[in-house]
Amino acid sequence: MTETTPPAPTALPAPLLVRTGGEREVLEAFLDFHRSTLRGKVRGLADDAARRRLVPSETTLAGLVKHLTLVERSWFPGLLTGAEAPEKDADGHDGGWEVGPEESLDGLLAAYEEACARSRAVAAPLPLDHVVPHPEIGEMSLRWIYVHVIEETARHVGHADILREQTDGATGVTA
């Protein structure tokens, strides 16, 4: 009988590593996976490429990063600590899609990283059953906030996947 060398292990995405973990561990792993995938989708792009509009809406790769920064700030510290939520205009828009000429992709990513870190810190000491009021839709648990932010982040990462492929043909989780 001949021995074969097993294939080298590949790095598994965090959600696959916690498939038997507790509820909170699974929620955090999925959210961090999608956060990381967003960063991977814009990694290596020049500012002009990240700002390029490739669809009729205002959606750009840079705009997705900026929008998801506001999502993090609104849903975690905004609700859980009572921090001031971003102001909205008369149509209910928070300006998160608009990227100013002075804003760089690196700066937007740094703000996103900071917002994600703040979200983790604010949520960490609270139980998933912790309930807070939402000014428009009523009471919600931290568990619900996690699921909502996972859903919104994953949906926008899907948009980023398409926009990145349209930009330079790059596909996959990290490109």
N, C-alpha and C. Protein backbone atom coordinates (compact mmCIF):
# COMPACT_ATOMS: atom_id res chain seq x y z
N MET A 1 0.85 -1.17 0.00
CA MET A 1 0.00 0.00 0.00
C MET A 1 0.89 1.24 0.00
N THR A 2 0.59 2.15 -0.88
CA THR A 2 1.38 3.38 -0.93
C THR A 2 0.66 4.48 -0.18
N GLU A 3 1.45 5.31 0.44
CA GLU A 3 0.87 6.42 1.18
C GLU A 3 0.82 7.64 0.27
N THR A 4 -0.22 8.39 0.43
CA THR A 4 -0.33 9.64 -0.32
C THR A 4 -0.30 10.78 0.66
N THR A 5 0.23 11.86 0.21
CA THR A 5 0.28 13.05 1.05
C THR A 5 -1.08 13.73 0.97
N PRO A 6 -1.68 13.99 2.13
CA PRO A 6 -2.97 14.68 2.08
C PRO A 6 -2.80 16.09 1.53
N PRO A 7 -3.85 16.61 0.91
CA PRO A 7 -3.74 17.97 0.38
C PRO A 7 -3.48 18.96 1.52
N ALA A 8 -2.77 20.01 1.18
CA ALA A 8 -2.50 21.05 2.17
C ALA A 8 -3.82 21.68 2.60
N PRO A 9 -3.98 21.93 3.89
CA PRO A 9 -5.24 22.54 4.33
C PRO A 9 -5.37 23.96 3.78
N THR A 10 -6.56 24.29 3.42
CA THR A 10 -6.82 25.65 2.96
C THR A 10 -7.47 26.42 4.10
N ALA A 11 -7.31 27.69 4.09
CA ALA A 11 -7.92 28.52 5.12
C ALA A 11 -9.43 28.51 4.91
N LEU A 12 -10.15 28.11 5.92
CA LEU A 12 -11.60 28.07 5.84
C LEU A 12 -12.17 29.41 6.27
N PRO A 13 -13.24 29.85 5.63
CA PRO A 13 -13.91 31.07 6.10
C PRO A 13 -14.44 30.85 7.52
N ALA A 14 -14.44 31.89 8.30
CA ALA A 14 -14.86 31.81 9.70
C ALA A 14 -16.20 31.11 9.91
N PRO A 15 -17.22 31.35 9.07
CA PRO A 15 -18.48 30.65 9.30
C PRO A 15 -18.36 29.13 9.25
N LEU A 16 -17.42 28.62 8.46
CA LEU A 16 -17.24 27.17 8.40
C LEU A 16 -16.50 26.63 9.63
N LEU A 17 -15.75 27.49 10.27
CA LEU A 17 -15.02 27.07 11.47
C LEU A 17 -15.92 26.99 12.70
N VAL A 18 -17.04 27.67 12.69
CA VAL A 18 -17.92 27.70 13.86
C VAL A 18 -19.24 26.99 13.60
N ARG A 19 -19.24 26.04 12.70
CA ARG A 19 -20.50 25.38 12.32
C ARG A 19 -21.15 24.62 13.47
N THR A 20 -20.44 24.38 14.55
CA THR A 20 -21.06 23.78 15.74
C THR A 20 -20.94 24.73 16.93
N GLY A 21 -20.65 25.99 16.66
CA GLY A 21 -20.49 26.97 17.73
C GLY A 21 -21.82 27.44 18.28
N GLY A 22 -21.71 28.25 19.29
CA GLY A 22 -22.91 28.83 19.89
C GLY A 22 -23.50 29.89 18.97
N GLU A 23 -24.71 30.30 19.30
CA GLU A 23 -25.44 31.26 18.47
C GLU A 23 -24.66 32.56 18.26
N ARG A 24 -24.15 33.12 19.31
CA ARG A 24 -23.44 34.39 19.17
C ARG A 24 -22.18 34.21 18.34
N GLU A 25 -21.46 33.15 18.58
CA GLU A 25 -20.24 32.88 17.82
C GLU A 25 -20.54 32.76 16.33
N VAL A 26 -21.64 32.10 15.99
CA VAL A 26 -22.03 31.95 14.59
C VAL A 26 -22.42 33.30 13.99
N LEU A 27 -23.22 34.08 14.71
CA LEU A 27 -23.62 35.40 14.20
C LEU A 27 -22.40 36.29 13.96
N GLU A 28 -21.50 36.33 14.94
CA GLU A 28 -20.30 37.16 14.80
C GLU A 28 -19.42 36.69 13.65
N ALA A 29 -19.30 35.37 13.48
CA ALA A 29 -18.46 34.83 12.40
C ALA A 29 -19.02 35.19 11.03
N PHE A 30 -20.33 35.07 10.87
CA PHE A 30 -20.93 35.42 9.57
C PHE A 30 -20.79 36.92 9.30
N LEU A 31 -21.03 37.75 10.31
CA LEU A 31 -20.91 39.18 10.09
C LEU A 31 -19.47 39.57 9.77
N ASP A 32 -18.52 39.04 10.51
CA ASP A 32 -17.11 39.36 10.24
C ASP A 32 -16.66 38.83 8.88
N PHE A 33 -17.19 37.69 8.47
CA PHE A 33 -16.88 37.15 7.14
C PHE A 33 -17.33 38.13 6.04
N HIS A 34 -18.54 38.62 6.15
CA HIS A 34 -19.04 39.55 5.12
C HIS A 34 -18.32 40.90 5.19
N ARG A 35 -17.98 41.35 6.39
CA ARG A 35 -17.19 42.57 6.52
C ARG A 35 -15.85 42.41 5.81
N SER A 36 -15.20 41.28 6.05
CA SER A 36 -13.90 41.01 5.43
C SER A 36 -14.02 40.88 3.91
N THR A 37 -15.09 40.27 3.45
CA THR A 37 -15.30 40.11 2.02
C THR A 37 -15.46 41.47 1.35
N LEU A 38 -16.17 42.40 2.00
CA LEU A 38 -16.29 43.75 1.44
C LEU A 38 -14.92 44.37 1.27
N ARG A 39 -14.08 44.27 2.30
CA ARG A 39 -12.73 44.83 2.20
C ARG A 39 -11.97 44.18 1.05
N GLY A 40 -12.12 42.87 0.89
CA GLY A 40 -11.46 42.17 -0.20
C GLY A 40 -11.93 42.61 -1.57
N LYS A 41 -13.21 42.97 -1.65
CA LYS A 41 -13.77 43.39 -2.94
C LYS A 41 -13.18 44.71 -3.43
N VAL A 42 -12.73 45.55 -2.53
CA VAL A 42 -12.20 46.85 -2.94
C VAL A 42 -10.68 46.93 -2.84
N ARG A 43 -10.07 45.89 -2.29
CA ARG A 43 -8.62 45.88 -2.10
C ARG A 43 -7.90 46.09 -3.43
N GLY A 44 -6.93 46.99 -3.44
CA GLY A 44 -6.10 47.22 -4.61
C GLY A 44 -6.68 48.14 -5.66
N LEU A 45 -7.87 48.67 -5.42
CA LEU A 45 -8.46 49.58 -6.41
C LEU A 45 -7.97 51.01 -6.21
N ALA A 46 -7.81 51.70 -7.29
CA ALA A 46 -7.52 53.14 -7.24
C ALA A 46 -8.81 53.87 -6.90
N ASP A 47 -8.69 55.07 -6.36
CA ASP A 47 -9.86 55.85 -5.98
C ASP A 47 -10.82 56.05 -7.14
N ASP A 48 -10.30 56.35 -8.33
CA ASP A 48 -11.20 56.61 -9.46
C ASP A 48 -11.98 55.36 -9.84
N ALA A 49 -11.36 54.20 -9.75
CA ALA A 49 -12.07 52.94 -10.05
C ALA A 49 -13.15 52.67 -9.01
N ALA A 50 -12.86 52.95 -7.74
CA ALA A 50 -13.83 52.72 -6.67
C ALA A 50 -15.00 53.69 -6.75
N ARG A 51 -14.81 54.85 -7.37
CA ARG A 51 -15.87 55.85 -7.52
C ARG A 51 -16.70 55.68 -8.79
N ARG A 52 -16.22 54.87 -9.70
CA ARG A 52 -16.85 54.74 -11.01
C ARG A 52 -18.26 54.17 -10.89
N ARG A 53 -19.20 54.86 -11.53
CA ARG A 53 -20.59 54.38 -11.57
C ARG A 53 -20.75 53.46 -12.77
N LEU A 54 -21.14 52.23 -12.49
CA LEU A 54 -21.29 51.22 -13.52
C LEU A 54 -22.74 50.78 -13.69
N VAL A 55 -23.61 51.31 -12.84
CA VAL A 55 -25.05 51.02 -12.90
C VAL A 55 -25.79 52.36 -12.84
N PRO A 56 -27.06 52.39 -13.25
CA PRO A 56 -27.79 53.67 -13.26
C PRO A 56 -27.95 54.34 -11.89
N SER A 57 -27.96 53.56 -10.81
CA SER A 57 -28.11 54.16 -9.48
C SER A 57 -26.80 54.80 -9.05
N GLU A 58 -26.80 55.37 -7.85
CA GLU A 58 -25.60 56.01 -7.31
C GLU A 58 -24.61 54.99 -6.74
N THR A 59 -24.89 53.71 -6.88
CA THR A 59 -24.07 52.66 -6.28
C THR A 59 -22.70 52.59 -6.92
N THR A 60 -21.68 52.73 -6.09
CA THR A 60 -20.28 52.55 -6.50
C THR A 60 -19.61 51.71 -5.43
N LEU A 61 -18.44 51.19 -5.72
CA LEU A 61 -17.72 50.43 -4.71
C LEU A 61 -17.39 51.30 -3.50
N ALA A 62 -16.92 52.51 -3.74
CA ALA A 62 -16.63 53.43 -2.63
C ALA A 62 -17.90 53.77 -1.86
N GLY A 63 -18.99 53.98 -2.58
CA GLY A 63 -20.27 54.28 -1.94
C GLY A 63 -20.77 53.14 -1.08
N LEU A 64 -20.53 51.90 -1.52
CA LEU A 64 -20.92 50.75 -0.70
C LEU A 64 -20.16 50.73 0.62
N VAL A 65 -18.87 51.03 0.57
CA VAL A 65 -18.08 51.07 1.81
C VAL A 65 -18.61 52.17 2.73
N LYS A 66 -18.88 53.33 2.16
CA LYS A 66 -19.38 54.45 2.97
C LYS A 66 -20.75 54.13 3.56
N HIS A 67 -21.63 53.56 2.74
CA HIS A 67 -22.96 53.20 3.21
C HIS A 67 -22.89 52.18 4.35
N LEU A 68 -22.07 51.14 4.18
CA LEU A 68 -21.99 50.11 5.22
C LEU A 68 -21.33 50.63 6.49
N THR A 69 -20.52 51.68 6.39
CA THR A 69 -19.99 52.34 7.58
C THR A 69 -21.15 52.96 8.37
N LEU A 70 -22.06 53.62 7.66
CA LEU A 70 -23.22 54.22 8.33
C LEU A 70 -24.14 53.14 8.89
N VAL A 71 -24.27 52.02 8.20
CA VAL A 71 -25.06 50.90 8.71
C VAL A 71 -24.50 50.45 10.05
N GLU A 72 -23.19 50.24 10.11
CA GLU A 72 -22.55 49.82 11.36
C GLU A 72 -22.82 50.84 12.47
N ARG A 73 -22.62 52.11 12.17
CA ARG A 73 -22.78 53.15 13.18
C ARG A 73 -24.23 53.27 13.66
N SER A 74 -25.16 53.11 12.73
CA SER A 74 -26.58 53.27 13.08
C SER A 74 -27.12 52.12 13.89
N TRP A 75 -26.80 50.89 13.47
CA TRP A 75 -27.45 49.73 14.08
C TRP A 75 -26.80 49.27 15.37
N PHE A 76 -25.51 49.44 15.52
CA PHE A 76 -24.88 48.99 16.77
C PHE A 76 -24.76 50.16 17.75
N PRO A 77 -23.76 51.05 17.62
CA PRO A 77 -23.69 52.12 18.63
C PRO A 77 -24.90 53.04 18.60
N GLY A 78 -25.44 53.29 17.42
CA GLY A 78 -26.59 54.19 17.32
C GLY A 78 -27.77 53.73 18.16
N LEU A 79 -28.09 52.47 18.08
CA LEU A 79 -29.23 51.95 18.85
C LEU A 79 -28.83 51.48 20.24
N LEU A 80 -27.70 50.83 20.35
CA LEU A 80 -27.34 50.20 21.62
C LEU A 80 -26.82 51.17 22.67
N THR A 81 -26.28 52.31 22.23
CA THR A 81 -25.76 53.27 23.20
C THR A 81 -26.50 54.60 23.15
N GLY A 82 -27.40 54.75 22.20
CA GLY A 82 -28.11 56.01 22.05
C GLY A 82 -27.27 57.08 21.37
N ALA A 83 -26.14 56.66 20.78
CA ALA A 83 -25.31 57.62 20.03
C ALA A 83 -26.14 58.22 18.92
N GLU A 84 -25.80 59.39 18.54
CA GLU A 84 -26.56 60.08 17.51
C GLU A 84 -26.48 59.35 16.17
N ALA A 85 -27.63 59.07 15.60
CA ALA A 85 -27.68 58.42 14.29
C ALA A 85 -27.41 59.46 13.21
N PRO A 86 -26.93 59.01 12.05
CA PRO A 86 -26.68 59.96 10.96
C PRO A 86 -27.96 60.71 10.59
N GLU A 87 -27.81 61.97 10.28
CA GLU A 87 -28.96 62.77 9.87
C GLU A 87 -29.45 62.34 8.50
N LYS A 88 -30.77 62.46 8.31
CA LYS A 88 -31.37 62.11 7.03
C LYS A 88 -32.02 63.34 6.42
N ASP A 89 -32.05 63.36 5.08
CA ASP A 89 -32.71 64.48 4.41
C ASP A 89 -34.22 64.24 4.37
N ALA A 90 -34.96 65.12 3.71
CA ALA A 90 -36.42 65.03 3.67
C ALA A 90 -36.90 63.74 3.03
N ASP A 91 -36.10 63.14 2.16
CA ASP A 91 -36.48 61.89 1.51
C ASP A 91 -36.03 60.66 2.30
N GLY A 92 -35.41 60.87 3.47
CA GLY A 92 -34.98 59.76 4.30
C GLY A 92 -33.61 59.22 3.96
N HIS A 93 -32.84 59.93 3.13
CA HIS A 93 -31.50 59.47 2.76
C HIS A 93 -30.47 60.03 3.73
N ASP A 94 -29.46 59.21 4.03
CA ASP A 94 -28.44 59.62 4.99
C ASP A 94 -27.15 60.10 4.32
N GLY A 95 -27.12 60.17 3.00
CA GLY A 95 -25.94 60.63 2.29
C GLY A 95 -24.84 59.61 2.19
N GLY A 96 -25.10 58.39 2.61
CA GLY A 96 -24.08 57.37 2.66
C GLY A 96 -23.57 56.90 1.32
N TRP A 97 -24.28 57.15 0.26
CA TRP A 97 -23.85 56.69 -1.06
C TRP A 97 -22.98 57.72 -1.76
N GLU A 98 -23.03 58.96 -1.30
CA GLU A 98 -22.31 60.05 -1.96
C GLU A 98 -20.89 60.12 -1.43
N VAL A 99 -19.94 60.00 -2.35
CA VAL A 99 -18.53 60.06 -1.97
C VAL A 99 -17.97 61.37 -2.49
N GLY A 100 -17.50 62.20 -1.57
CA GLY A 100 -16.97 63.50 -1.94
C GLY A 100 -15.60 63.40 -2.58
N PRO A 101 -15.21 64.43 -3.31
CA PRO A 101 -13.92 64.41 -3.98
C PRO A 101 -12.74 64.34 -3.01
N GLU A 102 -12.95 64.77 -1.78
CA GLU A 102 -11.87 64.74 -0.78
C GLU A 102 -11.76 63.37 -0.09
N GLU A 103 -12.70 62.48 -0.34
CA GLU A 103 -12.70 61.17 0.32
C GLU A 103 -11.94 60.14 -0.52
N SER A 104 -11.03 59.44 0.13
CA SER A 104 -10.26 58.39 -0.56
C SER A 104 -10.80 57.03 -0.14
N LEU A 105 -10.54 56.04 -0.96
CA LEU A 105 -10.94 54.68 -0.61
C LEU A 105 -10.24 54.24 0.67
N ASP A 106 -8.96 54.57 0.81
CA ASP A 106 -8.25 54.22 2.04
C ASP A 106 -8.91 54.85 3.27
N GLY A 107 -9.31 56.10 3.15
CA GLY A 107 -9.99 56.77 4.26
C GLY A 107 -11.34 56.15 4.55
N LEU A 108 -12.09 55.80 3.51
CA LEU A 108 -13.39 55.16 3.70
C LEU A 108 -13.22 53.80 4.37
N LEU A 109 -12.20 53.06 3.95
CA LEU A 109 -11.95 51.75 4.57
C LEU A 109 -11.53 51.88 6.03
N ALA A 110 -10.73 52.90 6.34
CA ALA A 110 -10.33 53.13 7.73
C ALA A 110 -11.55 53.45 8.59
N ALA A 111 -12.45 54.28 8.06
CA ALA A 111 -13.68 54.61 8.79
C ALA A 111 -14.55 53.37 8.97
N TYR A 112 -14.59 52.51 7.95
CA TYR A 112 -15.36 51.27 8.05
C TYR A 112 -14.77 50.36 9.12
N GLU A 113 -13.46 50.20 9.12
CA GLU A 113 -12.79 49.37 10.13
C GLU A 113 -13.09 49.90 11.54
N GLU A 114 -13.02 51.21 11.69
CA GLU A 114 -13.29 51.82 12.99
C GLU A 114 -14.73 51.58 13.41
N ALA A 115 -15.66 51.72 12.47
CA ALA A 115 -17.08 51.49 12.78
C ALA A 115 -17.33 50.04 13.16
N CYS A 116 -16.70 49.11 12.45
CA CYS A 116 -16.86 47.69 12.77
C CYS A 116 -16.30 47.37 14.15
N ALA A 117 -15.15 47.93 14.46
CA ALA A 117 -14.54 47.71 15.78
C ALA A 117 -15.44 48.27 16.88
N ARG A 118 -16.00 49.44 16.64
CA ARG A 118 -16.91 50.06 17.62
C ARG A 118 -18.15 49.19 17.78
N SER A 119 -18.68 48.67 16.68
CA SER A 119 -19.86 47.80 16.76
C SER A 119 -19.57 46.57 17.61
N ARG A 120 -18.40 45.95 17.38
CA ARG A 120 -18.02 44.77 18.16
C ARG A 120 -17.93 45.12 19.65
N ALA A 121 -17.30 46.24 19.96
CA ALA A 121 -17.10 46.65 21.35
C ALA A 121 -18.43 46.94 22.05
N VAL A 122 -19.33 47.59 21.35
CA VAL A 122 -20.62 47.95 21.94
C VAL A 122 -21.49 46.71 22.17
N ALA A 123 -21.46 45.78 21.21
CA ALA A 123 -22.31 44.59 21.31
C ALA A 123 -21.76 43.55 22.28
N ALA A 124 -20.45 43.48 22.44
CA ALA A 124 -19.81 42.40 23.20
C ALA A 124 -20.38 42.18 24.60
N PRO A 125 -20.60 43.20 25.40
CA PRO A 125 -21.04 42.93 26.77
C PRO A 125 -22.54 42.64 26.90
N LEU A 126 -23.27 42.78 25.82
CA LEU A 126 -24.73 42.64 25.89
C LEU A 126 -25.19 41.24 25.48
N PRO A 127 -26.21 40.71 26.16
CA PRO A 127 -26.76 39.43 25.75
C PRO A 127 -27.56 39.59 24.46
N LEU A 128 -27.69 38.52 23.70
CA LEU A 128 -28.44 38.58 22.45
C LEU A 128 -29.90 38.96 22.66
N ASP A 129 -30.43 38.71 23.85
CA ASP A 129 -31.81 39.06 24.16
C ASP A 129 -31.98 40.52 24.59
N HIS A 130 -30.89 41.27 24.66
CA HIS A 130 -30.97 42.69 25.04
C HIS A 130 -31.89 43.41 24.05
N VAL A 131 -32.85 44.16 24.56
CA VAL A 131 -33.84 44.82 23.72
C VAL A 131 -33.67 46.33 23.81
N VAL A 132 -33.75 46.97 22.63
CA VAL A 132 -33.67 48.43 22.53
C VAL A 132 -34.80 48.93 21.66
N PRO A 133 -35.20 50.17 21.86
CA PRO A 133 -36.24 50.72 20.99
C PRO A 133 -35.63 51.27 19.69
N HIS A 134 -36.32 51.06 18.61
CA HIS A 134 -35.97 51.68 17.33
C HIS A 134 -37.00 52.78 17.11
N PRO A 135 -36.58 53.98 16.74
CA PRO A 135 -37.52 55.09 16.65
C PRO A 135 -38.62 54.92 15.61
N GLU A 136 -38.42 54.07 14.63
CA GLU A 136 -39.42 53.92 13.57
C GLU A 136 -40.17 52.59 13.60
N ILE A 137 -39.52 51.52 14.09
CA ILE A 137 -40.16 50.21 13.99
C ILE A 137 -40.39 49.51 15.32
N GLY A 138 -40.05 50.13 16.42
CA GLY A 138 -40.33 49.55 17.72
C GLY A 138 -39.17 48.78 18.30
N GLU A 139 -39.46 47.98 19.33
CA GLU A 139 -38.41 47.26 20.04
C GLU A 139 -37.80 46.15 19.20
N MET A 140 -36.50 45.93 19.43
CA MET A 140 -35.78 44.86 18.75
C MET A 140 -34.66 44.37 19.64
N SER A 141 -34.30 43.11 19.43
CA SER A 141 -33.22 42.52 20.23
C SER A 141 -31.88 42.70 19.51
N LEU A 142 -30.82 42.53 20.29
CA LEU A 142 -29.48 42.54 19.70
C LEU A 142 -29.38 41.42 18.67
N ARG A 143 -30.01 40.28 18.94
CA ARG A 143 -30.02 39.16 17.99
C ARG A 143 -30.57 39.63 16.64
N TRP A 144 -31.70 40.35 16.68
CA TRP A 144 -32.33 40.85 15.45
C TRP A 144 -31.39 41.82 14.73
N ILE A 145 -30.72 42.67 15.50
CA ILE A 145 -29.77 43.62 14.90
C ILE A 145 -28.66 42.87 14.19
N TYR A 146 -28.10 41.84 14.82
CA TYR A 146 -27.06 41.04 14.16
C TYR A 146 -27.57 40.47 12.84
N VAL A 147 -28.73 39.84 12.88
CA VAL A 147 -29.26 39.22 11.66
C VAL A 147 -29.50 40.27 10.59
N HIS A 148 -30.05 41.41 10.96
CA HIS A 148 -30.30 42.47 9.98
C HIS A 148 -29.00 42.98 9.36
N VAL A 149 -28.00 43.24 10.19
CA VAL A 149 -26.74 43.77 9.66
C VAL A 149 -26.02 42.71 8.82
N ILE A 150 -26.12 41.45 9.19
CA ILE A 150 -25.57 40.38 8.35
C ILE A 150 -26.26 40.41 6.99
N GLU A 151 -27.58 40.47 7.00
CA GLU A 151 -28.35 40.48 5.74
C GLU A 151 -27.98 41.68 4.88
N GLU A 152 -27.95 42.85 5.47
CA GLU A 152 -27.66 44.05 4.69
C GLU A 152 -26.22 44.04 4.17
N THR A 153 -25.28 43.63 5.01
CA THR A 153 -23.88 43.58 4.57
C THR A 153 -23.72 42.56 3.45
N ALA A 154 -24.29 41.37 3.61
CA ALA A 154 -24.17 40.33 2.58
C ALA A 154 -24.78 40.78 1.27
N ARG A 155 -25.94 41.44 1.33
CA ARG A 155 -26.60 41.93 0.11
C ARG A 155 -25.70 42.93 -0.61
N HIS A 156 -25.11 43.84 0.14
CA HIS A 156 -24.24 44.84 -0.50
C HIS A 156 -22.90 44.26 -0.94
N VAL A 157 -22.43 43.24 -0.27
CA VAL A 157 -21.22 42.55 -0.75
C VAL A 157 -21.50 41.89 -2.09
N GLY A 158 -22.71 41.39 -2.27
CA GLY A 158 -23.10 40.86 -3.58
C GLY A 158 -23.06 41.92 -4.65
N HIS A 159 -23.52 43.12 -4.31
CA HIS A 159 -23.42 44.24 -5.26
C HIS A 159 -21.96 44.53 -5.57
N ALA A 160 -21.13 44.55 -4.52
CA ALA A 160 -19.70 44.82 -4.70
C ALA A 160 -19.05 43.76 -5.59
N ASP A 161 -19.49 42.53 -5.45
CA ASP A 161 -18.95 41.44 -6.27
C ASP A 161 -19.18 41.73 -7.76
N ILE A 162 -20.39 42.14 -8.08
CA ILE A 162 -20.72 42.44 -9.47
C ILE A 162 -19.96 43.67 -9.96
N LEU A 163 -19.94 44.73 -9.14
CA LEU A 163 -19.24 45.95 -9.55
C LEU A 163 -17.75 45.71 -9.73
N ARG A 164 -17.15 44.92 -8.86
CA ARG A 164 -15.71 44.64 -9.00
C ARG A 164 -15.45 43.85 -10.28
N GLU A 165 -16.30 42.89 -10.59
CA GLU A 165 -16.12 42.14 -11.82
C GLU A 165 -16.26 43.06 -13.04
N GLN A 166 -17.20 43.99 -12.98
CA GLN A 166 -17.36 44.95 -14.08
C GLN A 166 -16.16 45.90 -14.17
N THR A 167 -15.53 46.18 -13.03
CA THR A 167 -14.41 47.12 -13.00
C THR A 167 -13.17 46.55 -13.65
N ASP A 168 -12.77 45.36 -13.22
CA ASP A 168 -11.50 44.81 -13.74
C ASP A 168 -11.52 43.30 -13.93
N GLY A 169 -12.69 42.69 -13.84
CA GLY A 169 -12.79 41.26 -14.07
C GLY A 169 -12.49 40.40 -12.86
N ALA A 170 -12.08 41.00 -11.74
CA ALA A 170 -11.73 40.24 -10.55
C ALA A 170 -12.98 39.63 -9.94
N THR A 171 -12.87 38.36 -9.55
CA THR A 171 -13.98 37.66 -8.90
C THR A 171 -13.46 36.92 -7.69
N GLY A 172 -14.35 36.42 -6.89
CA GLY A 172 -13.98 35.65 -5.71
C GLY A 172 -14.13 36.45 -4.45
N VAL A 173 -13.95 35.78 -3.33
CA VAL A 173 -14.16 36.39 -2.02
C VAL A 173 -13.18 37.52 -1.74
N THR A 174 -11.94 37.37 -2.18
CA THR A 174 -10.92 38.35 -1.82
C THR A 174 -10.57 39.30 -2.95
N ALA A 175 -11.33 39.30 -4.02
CA ALA A 175 -11.00 40.22 -5.11
C ALA A 175 -12.24 40.78 -5.74
